Amino acid sequence: MERFRDYCKKNCFNRKLQLLDLGLGVNASEIICEILNRHENISKVNLLKNRLENDGACLLADSLTKSTTIVSVSLKNNAIGRRGGHALIECLRYNQSLVEFDIGSLDGLHRNKAGPIAMESLSEILRFNKTLTFLNVSGNSISNQGLEAICRGLKENNTLLTLGIA
């Protein structure tokens, strides 16, 4: 674990933490959260194509809720399910620094599947969040129910500029 902690520190430069396609799981999430909680100079987090799953996503959601400096997060293709997706969406309720939030899924392995219930929470959050300008929830099995929920939230939102839902 110490080697991984050192690896993370080496991959944290220009205020970005980028750990792409490394197969990282919940144990790595604990260390990543520790780094995010200790280093307030990090503004962008990109963990594309790992295996954080629900437990790792919940840990990250807790750290993101407390953060005041992180403005961009990408968690595409991390095998995040309903519980983890809901926790991540809920962090948007409290975090007022995030401008870009990407939990979308690309074709292939480790697709995220937050589902329509997480989108119900997102609907309410979109009404009140005044910082988010980019949101990607594409490929998350949101169904028509989730899409309708997002649309309800967008009626009162005038800050979101880009929405990925395909």
C-alpha atoms as a PDB file:
ATOM      1  CA  MET A   1       0.000   0.000   0.000  1.00  0.00           C
ATOM      2  CA  GLU A   2       2.867   2.374   0.670  1.00  0.00           C
ATOM      3  CA  ARG A   3       4.089   1.892  -2.900  1.00  0.00           C
ATOM      4  CA  PHE A   4       0.644   2.750  -4.212  1.00  0.00           C
ATOM      5  CA  ARG A   5       0.510   5.850  -1.994  1.00  0.00           C
ATOM      6  CA  ASP A   6       3.866   6.956  -3.475  1.00  0.00           C
ATOM      7  CA  TYR A   7       2.606   6.177  -6.985  1.00  0.00           C
ATOM      8  CA  CYS A   8      -0.440   8.377  -6.381  1.00  0.00           C
ATOM      9  CA  LYS A   9       1.706  11.236  -5.170  1.00  0.00           C
ATOM     10  CA  LYS A  10       3.852  10.969  -8.296  1.00  0.00           C
ATOM     11  CA  ASN A  11       0.731  11.054 -10.470  1.00  0.00           C
ATOM     12  CA  CYS A  12      -0.588  14.143  -8.773  1.00  0.00           C
ATOM     13  CA  PHE A  13       0.814  17.157 -10.591  1.00  0.00           C
ATOM     14  CA  ASN A  14      -0.542  20.431 -11.930  1.00  0.00           C
ATOM     15  CA  ARG A  15      -3.334  20.122  -9.344  1.00  0.00           C
ATOM     16  CA  LYS A  16      -4.566  16.909 -11.046  1.00  0.00           C
ATOM     17  CA  LEU A  17      -4.776  13.358  -9.771  1.00  0.00           C
ATOM     18  CA  GLN A  18      -4.958  11.047 -12.774  1.00  0.00           C
ATOM     19  CA  LEU A  19      -5.036   7.280 -12.291  1.00  0.00           C
ATOM     20  CA  LEU A  20      -6.441   5.871 -15.519  1.00  0.00           C
ATOM     21  CA  ASP A  21      -7.179   2.246 -16.420  1.00  0.00           C
ATOM     22  CA  LEU A  22      -5.253   0.679 -13.529  1.00  0.00           C
ATOM     23  CA  GLY A  23      -7.878  -1.739 -12.208  1.00  0.00           C
ATOM     24  CA  LEU A  24      -8.070   0.160  -8.911  1.00  0.00           C
ATOM     25  CA  GLY A  25     -10.608  -1.085  -6.388  1.00  0.00           C
ATOM     26  CA  VAL A  26     -11.948  -0.222  -2.962  1.00  0.00           C
ATOM     27  CA  ASN A  27      -8.561  -0.529  -1.217  1.00  0.00           C
ATOM     28  CA  ALA A  28      -7.094   2.010  -3.604  1.00  0.00           C
ATOM     29  CA  SER A  29     -10.132   4.240  -2.979  1.00  0.00           C
ATOM     30  CA  GLU A  30      -9.218   4.459   0.685  1.00  0.00           C
ATOM     31  CA  ILE A  31      -5.748   5.767  -0.163  1.00  0.00           C
ATOM     32  CA  ILE A  32      -7.105   8.118  -2.840  1.00  0.00           C
ATOM     33  CA  CYS A  33      -9.562   9.553  -0.310  1.00  0.00           C
ATOM     34  CA  GLU A  34      -6.769   9.980   2.211  1.00  0.00           C
ATOM     35  CA  ILE A  35      -4.785  11.943  -0.391  1.00  0.00           C
ATOM     36  CA  LEU A  36      -7.806  14.060  -1.378  1.00  0.00           C
ATOM     37  CA  ASN A  37      -8.569  14.857   2.247  1.00  0.00           C
ATOM     38  CA  ARG A  38      -4.961  15.859   3.017  1.00  0.00           C
ATOM     39  CA  HIS A  39      -3.990  17.758  -0.125  1.00  0.00           C
ATOM     40  CA  GLU A  40      -6.257  20.700  -0.697  1.00  0.00           C
ATOM     41  CA  ASN A  41      -4.369  21.757  -3.803  1.00  0.00           C
ATOM     42  CA  ILE A  42      -5.970  19.039  -5.968  1.00  0.00           C
ATOM     43  CA  SER A  43      -8.614  20.470  -8.290  1.00  0.00           C
ATOM     44  CA  LYS A  44      -9.138  17.672 -10.838  1.00  0.00           C
ATOM     45  CA  VAL A  45      -9.601  13.949 -10.240  1.00  0.00           C
ATOM     46  CA  ASN A  46      -9.674  11.489 -13.128  1.00  0.00           C
ATOM     47  CA  LEU A  47     -10.123   7.806 -12.265  1.00  0.00           C
ATOM     48  CA  LEU A  48     -11.383   6.630 -15.655  1.00  0.00           C
ATOM     49  CA  LYS A  49     -11.644   2.863 -16.258  1.00  0.00           C
ATOM     50  CA  ASN A  50     -10.950   1.361 -12.853  1.00  0.00           C
ATOM     51  CA  ARG A  51     -13.016  -0.932 -10.594  1.00  0.00           C
ATOM     52  CA  LEU A  52     -14.036   1.272  -7.694  1.00  0.00           C
ATOM     53  CA  GLU A  53     -17.499  -0.303  -7.550  1.00  0.00           C
ATOM     54  CA  ASN A  54     -20.077   0.762  -4.971  1.00  0.00           C
ATOM     55  CA  ASP A  55     -17.846   0.725  -1.897  1.00  0.00           C
ATOM     56  CA  GLY A  56     -15.113   2.792  -3.537  1.00  0.00           C
ATOM     57  CA  ALA A  57     -17.672   5.225  -4.938  1.00  0.00           C
ATOM     58  CA  CYS A  58     -19.215   5.714  -1.491  1.00  0.00           C
ATOM     59  CA  LEU A  59     -15.807   6.469   0.000  1.00  0.00           C
ATOM     60  CA  LEU A  60     -15.076   8.983  -2.748  1.00  0.00           C
ATOM     61  CA  ALA A  61     -18.504  10.567  -2.357  1.00  0.00           C
ATOM     62  CA  ASP A  62     -17.704  11.232   1.294  1.00  0.00           C
ATOM     63  CA  SER A  63     -14.419  12.936   0.392  1.00  0.00           C
ATOM     64  CA  LEU A  64     -16.036  14.943  -2.399  1.00  0.00           C
ATOM     65  CA  THR A  65     -18.784  16.114  -0.068  1.00  0.00           C
ATOM     66  CA  LYS A  66     -16.146  17.687   2.185  1.00  0.00           C
ATOM     67  CA  SER A  67     -13.976  19.133  -0.593  1.00  0.00           C
ATOM     68  CA  THR A  68     -13.933  22.823  -1.373  1.00  0.00           C
ATOM     69  CA  THR A  69     -11.187  22.734  -4.018  1.00  0.00           C
ATOM     70  CA  ILE A  70     -12.031  19.892  -6.411  1.00  0.00           C
ATOM     71  CA  VAL A  71     -13.756  21.303  -9.484  1.00  0.00           C
ATOM     72  CA  SER A  72     -13.670  18.324 -11.863  1.00  0.00           C
ATOM     73  CA  VAL A  73     -14.258  14.602 -11.323  1.00  0.00           C
ATOM     74  CA  SER A  74     -14.317  11.784 -13.879  1.00  0.00           C
ATOM     75  CA  LEU A  75     -15.323   8.320 -12.732  1.00  0.00           C
ATOM     76  CA  LYS A  76     -16.275   6.827 -16.095  1.00  0.00           C
ATOM     77  CA  ASN A  77     -16.379   3.038 -16.258  1.00  0.00           C
ATOM     78  CA  ASN A  78     -15.790   2.062 -12.640  1.00  0.00           C
ATOM     79  CA  ALA A  79     -18.485  -0.620 -12.217  1.00  0.00           C
ATOM     80  CA  ILE A  80     -20.450   1.731  -9.971  1.00  0.00           C
ATOM     81  CA  GLY A  81     -23.955   0.500  -9.278  1.00  0.00           C
ATOM     82  CA  ARG A  82     -27.065   2.006  -7.753  1.00  0.00           C
ATOM     83  CA  ARG A  83     -25.739   2.485  -4.213  1.00  0.00           C
ATOM     84  CA  GLY A  84     -22.462   4.068  -5.314  1.00  0.00           C
ATOM     85  CA  GLY A  85     -24.156   6.128  -8.014  1.00  0.00           C
ATOM     86  CA  HIS A  86     -26.665   7.459  -5.522  1.00  0.00           C
ATOM     87  CA  ALA A  87     -23.897   8.376  -3.045  1.00  0.00           C
ATOM     88  CA  LEU A  88     -21.978  10.236  -5.758  1.00  0.00           C
ATOM     89  CA  ILE A  89     -25.074  12.112  -6.921  1.00  0.00           C
ATOM     90  CA  GLU A  90     -25.885  13.032  -3.307  1.00  0.00           C
ATOM     91  CA  CYS A  91     -22.417  14.579  -2.842  1.00  0.00           C
ATOM     92  CA  LEU A  92     -23.516  17.217  -5.376  1.00  0.00           C
ATOM     93  CA  ARG A  93     -26.095  18.369  -2.845  1.00  0.00           C
ATOM     94  CA  TYR A  94     -23.340  19.540  -0.482  1.00  0.00           C
ATOM     95  CA  ASN A  95     -20.321  20.208  -2.679  1.00  0.00           C
ATOM     96  CA  GLN A  96     -20.402  23.724  -4.077  1.00  0.00           C
ATOM     97  CA  SER A  97     -17.045  23.621  -5.878  1.00  0.00           C
ATOM     98  CA  LEU A  98     -17.667  20.902  -8.485  1.00  0.00           C
ATOM     99  CA  VAL A  99     -18.096  22.327 -11.965  1.00  0.00           C
ATOM    100  CA  GLU A 100     -17.600  19.112 -13.978  1.00  0.00           C
ATOM    101  CA  PHE A 101     -18.951  15.739 -12.853  1.00  0.00           C
ATOM    102  CA  ASP A 102     -18.662  12.662 -15.054  1.00  0.00           C
ATOM    103  CA  ILE A 103     -19.988   9.258 -14.007  1.00  0.00           C
ATOM    104  CA  GLY A 104     -20.822   8.221 -17.550  1.00  0.00           C
ATOM    105  CA  SER A 105     -20.014   4.889 -19.141  1.00  0.00           C
ATOM    106  CA  LEU A 106     -18.286   3.992 -22.348  1.00  0.00           C
ATOM    107  CA  ASP A 107     -18.899   0.693 -24.118  1.00  0.00           C
ATOM    108  CA  GLY A 108     -16.906  -2.170 -22.652  1.00  0.00           C
ATOM    109  CA  LEU A 109     -15.955  -3.357 -19.208  1.00  0.00           C
ATOM    110  CA  HIS A 110     -16.848  -1.875 -15.822  1.00  0.00           C
ATOM    111  CA  ARG A 111     -19.858   0.137 -16.949  1.00  0.00           C
ATOM    112  CA  ASN A 112     -21.503   2.358 -14.359  1.00  0.00           C
ATOM    113  CA  LYS A 113     -25.180   1.666 -13.668  1.00  0.00           C
ATOM    114  CA  ALA A 114     -26.467   4.311 -11.291  1.00  0.00           C
ATOM    115  CA  GLY A 115     -30.042   3.687 -12.446  1.00  0.00           C
ATOM    116  CA  PRO A 116     -33.204   5.799 -12.365  1.00  0.00           C
ATOM    117  CA  ILE A 117     -33.476   6.175  -8.577  1.00  0.00           C
ATOM    118  CA  ALA A 118     -30.186   8.112  -8.438  1.00  0.00           C
ATOM    119  CA  MET A 119     -31.604  10.371 -11.143  1.00  0.00           C
ATOM    120  CA  GLU A 120     -34.578  11.172  -8.886  1.00  0.00           C
ATOM    121  CA  SER A 121     -32.086  12.600  -6.371  1.00  0.00           C
ATOM    122  CA  LEU A 122     -30.280  14.383  -9.199  1.00  0.00           C
ATOM    123  CA  SER A 123     -33.553  16.051 -10.181  1.00  0.00           C
ATOM    124  CA  GLU A 124     -33.823  17.792  -6.834  1.00  0.00           C
ATOM    125  CA  ILE A 125     -30.111  18.631  -6.728  1.00  0.00           C
ATOM    126  CA  LEU A 126     -30.195  20.235 -10.186  1.00  0.00           C
ATOM    127  CA  ARG A 127     -32.824  22.669  -8.939  1.00  0.00           C
ATOM    128  CA  PHE A 128     -30.501  24.118  -6.304  1.00  0.00           C
ATOM    129  CA  ASN A 129     -26.924  23.469  -7.485  1.00  0.00           C
ATOM    130  CA  LYS A 130     -25.492  26.699  -8.911  1.00  0.00           C
ATOM    131  CA  THR A 131     -21.939  25.578  -9.743  1.00  0.00           C
ATOM    132  CA  LEU A 132     -22.256  22.503 -11.953  1.00  0.00           C
ATOM    133  CA  THR A 133     -21.844  23.307 -15.662  1.00  0.00           C
ATOM    134  CA  PHE A 134     -20.966  19.848 -17.071  1.00  0.00           C
ATOM    135  CA  LEU A 135     -22.687  16.596 -16.110  1.00  0.00           C
ATOM    136  CA  ASN A 136     -22.364  13.197 -17.783  1.00  0.00           C
ATOM    137  CA  VAL A 137     -24.560  10.288 -16.692  1.00  0.00           C
ATOM    138  CA  SER A 138     -24.639   8.559 -20.094  1.00  0.00           C
ATOM    139  CA  GLY A 139     -24.693   4.771 -20.182  1.00  0.00           C
ATOM    140  CA  ASN A 140     -25.996   4.506 -16.603  1.00  0.00           C
ATOM    141  CA  SER A 141     -29.218   2.583 -17.282  1.00  0.00           C
ATOM    142  CA  ILE A 142     -31.278   5.594 -16.242  1.00  0.00           C
ATOM    143  CA  SER A 143     -34.397   4.559 -18.228  1.00  0.00           C
ATOM    144  CA  ASN A 144     -37.254   6.888 -19.172  1.00  0.00           C
ATOM    145  CA  GLN A 145     -38.041   7.371 -15.486  1.00  0.00           C
ATOM    146  CA  GLY A 146     -34.552   8.737 -14.833  1.00  0.00           C
ATOM    147  CA  LEU A 147     -34.664  10.937 -17.920  1.00  0.00           C
ATOM    148  CA  GLU A 148     -37.975  12.430 -16.827  1.00  0.00           C
ATOM    149  CA  ALA A 149     -36.499  13.147 -13.388  1.00  0.00           C
ATOM    150  CA  ILE A 150     -33.512  14.929 -14.926  1.00  0.00           C
ATOM    151  CA  CYS A 151     -35.851  17.011 -17.103  1.00  0.00           C
ATOM    152  CA  ARG A 152     -37.827  18.098 -14.032  1.00  0.00           C
ATOM    153  CA  GLY A 153     -34.617  19.264 -12.366  1.00  0.00           C
ATOM    154  CA  LEU A 154     -33.468  21.139 -15.443  1.00  0.00           C
ATOM    155  CA  LYS A 155     -36.590  23.290 -15.488  1.00  0.00           C
ATOM    156  CA  GLU A 156     -35.202  25.319 -12.590  1.00  0.00           C
ATOM    157  CA  ASN A 157     -31.492  25.071 -13.440  1.00  0.00           C
ATOM    158  CA  ASN A 158     -29.786  27.779 -15.454  1.00  0.00           C
ATOM    159  CA  THR A 159     -26.127  26.916 -14.827  1.00  0.00           C
ATOM    160  CA  LEU A 160     -25.752  23.475 -16.424  1.00  0.00           C
ATOM    161  CA  LEU A 161     -24.356  23.956 -19.936  1.00  0.00           C
ATOM    162  CA  THR A 162     -23.565  20.371 -20.980  1.00  0.00           C
ATOM    163  CA  LEU A 163     -25.506  17.222 -20.136  1.00  0.00           C
ATOM    164  CA  GLY A 164     -24.534  13.749 -21.349  1.00  0.00           C
ATOM    165  CA  ILE A 165     -27.434  11.281 -21.174  1.00  0.00           C
ATOM    166  CA  ALA A 166     -27.024   9.075 -24.281  1.00  0.00           C
END
